[in-house]
Amino acid sequence: MKMPITKMSSKGQVVIPQEVREELGLGEGELFVVIGSKDALILKQVKKPSTQEIMDELKIIAREGKKNLEKKGIKEKDIQGIVERARRGG
C-alpha cells in the first residue's frame, strides 16, 4: 500500500492528499482538531451535529429538566412567576 506524502509550507499549511480527501469524503471548510505528540500529528475531524441531532438532544434536556422540576414540586404554571421574581432580583 502506497502511503501518500505531503509537506508543510512556510505558513504551516499542509495539504491533505486528494486520494485521502476522497476516501474520507472531506471537502473545503472541514474543521479538525490537531493533536501533536512526539513525532506524530493527528487530525481529528470535527463534525457539526445535524439539526435532527440537536433537536433530539434538546428533547432529552427538556425531559430531564421536567423531571427535576417535578422532584422539587414545581409545576409548569409556576415558572412564569419564578422567572419574573428572578428578573427583579428577588
Protein backbone atom coordinates (compact mmCIF):
# COMPACT_ATOMS: atom_id res chain seq x y z
CA MET A 1 0.00 0.00 0.00
CA LYS A 2 1.44 3.34 -1.06
CA MET A 3 1.36 5.94 1.71
CA PRO A 4 0.70 9.48 0.45
CA ILE A 5 3.32 12.06 1.45
CA THR A 6 2.79 15.78 1.93
CA LYS A 7 4.91 18.65 3.21
CA MET A 8 4.32 21.76 5.25
CA SER A 9 4.52 25.21 3.62
CA SER A 10 6.37 28.17 5.09
CA LYS A 11 3.00 29.29 6.53
CA GLY A 12 2.48 25.96 8.34
CA GLN A 13 -0.10 24.73 5.85
CA VAL A 14 -0.32 21.03 5.00
CA VAL A 15 -2.21 19.65 2.01
CA ILE A 16 -4.27 16.51 2.63
CA PRO A 17 -3.70 14.38 -0.46
CA GLN A 18 -6.66 14.11 -2.84
CA GLU A 19 -6.98 10.33 -2.51
CA VAL A 20 -7.32 10.68 1.29
CA ARG A 21 -9.85 13.52 0.97
CA GLU A 22 -11.92 11.46 -1.44
CA GLU A 23 -11.73 8.32 0.70
CA LEU A 24 -12.91 10.24 3.78
CA GLY A 25 -15.38 12.47 1.92
CA LEU A 26 -13.63 15.67 3.04
CA GLY A 27 -14.46 18.99 1.46
CA GLU A 28 -13.42 22.61 1.68
CA GLY A 29 -14.07 24.20 5.07
CA GLU A 30 -13.88 20.98 7.10
CA LEU A 31 -12.83 21.52 10.71
CA PHE A 32 -10.18 19.47 12.52
CA VAL A 33 -8.74 19.20 15.99
CA VAL A 34 -4.95 18.99 15.76
CA ILE A 35 -3.12 16.74 18.22
CA GLY A 36 0.67 16.52 18.29
CA SER A 37 2.79 14.14 20.33
CA LYS A 38 6.50 13.42 19.81
CA ASP A 39 6.79 12.56 16.10
CA ALA A 40 3.06 12.06 15.43
CA LEU A 41 0.44 14.53 14.24
CA ILE A 42 -3.24 13.61 14.29
CA LEU A 43 -6.04 15.50 12.56
CA LYS A 44 -9.43 14.56 14.01
CA GLN A 45 -12.41 15.77 12.02
CA VAL A 46 -14.88 17.87 13.99
CA LYS A 47 -18.36 17.06 12.77
CA LYS A 48 -21.19 19.53 13.14
CA PRO A 49 -24.34 17.93 14.51
CA SER A 50 -27.36 17.81 12.23
CA THR A 51 -30.50 19.77 13.05
CA GLN A 52 -32.19 16.49 13.99
CA GLU A 53 -29.37 15.56 16.38
CA ILE A 54 -29.66 18.96 18.07
CA MET A 55 -33.45 18.65 18.35
CA ASP A 56 -33.14 15.13 19.82
CA GLU A 57 -30.62 16.38 22.40
CA LEU A 58 -32.86 19.34 23.32
CA LYS A 59 -35.80 16.95 23.86
CA ILE A 60 -33.68 14.89 26.24
CA ILE A 61 -32.61 18.02 28.13
CA ALA A 62 -36.25 19.18 28.36
CA ARG A 63 -37.38 15.79 29.73
CA GLU A 64 -34.61 15.82 32.34
CA GLY A 65 -35.48 19.38 33.31
CA LYS A 66 -39.15 18.49 33.68
CA LYS A 67 -38.26 15.51 35.92
CA ASN A 68 -36.07 17.76 38.10
CA LEU A 69 -38.88 20.31 38.44
CA GLU A 70 -41.37 17.58 39.37
CA LYS A 71 -38.97 16.30 42.06
CA LYS A 72 -38.87 19.83 43.53
CA GLY A 73 -42.63 20.18 43.35
CA ILE A 74 -42.53 22.96 40.76
CA LYS A 75 -45.33 22.94 38.21
CA GLU A 76 -45.24 24.43 34.71
CA LYS A 77 -47.67 27.17 35.74
CA ASP A 78 -45.21 28.29 38.48
CA ILE A 79 -42.36 29.00 36.08
CA GLN A 80 -43.53 32.41 34.83
CA GLY A 81 -43.67 33.76 38.38
CA ILE A 82 -40.25 32.29 39.23
CA VAL A 83 -38.72 33.93 36.14
CA GLU A 84 -40.32 37.30 36.94
CA ARG A 85 -39.05 37.21 40.55
CA ALA A 86 -35.55 36.28 39.35
CA ARG A 87 -35.52 39.19 36.90
CA ARG A 88 -36.49 41.59 39.68
CA GLY A 89 -33.58 40.23 41.73
CA GLY A 90 -35.60 38.56 44.38
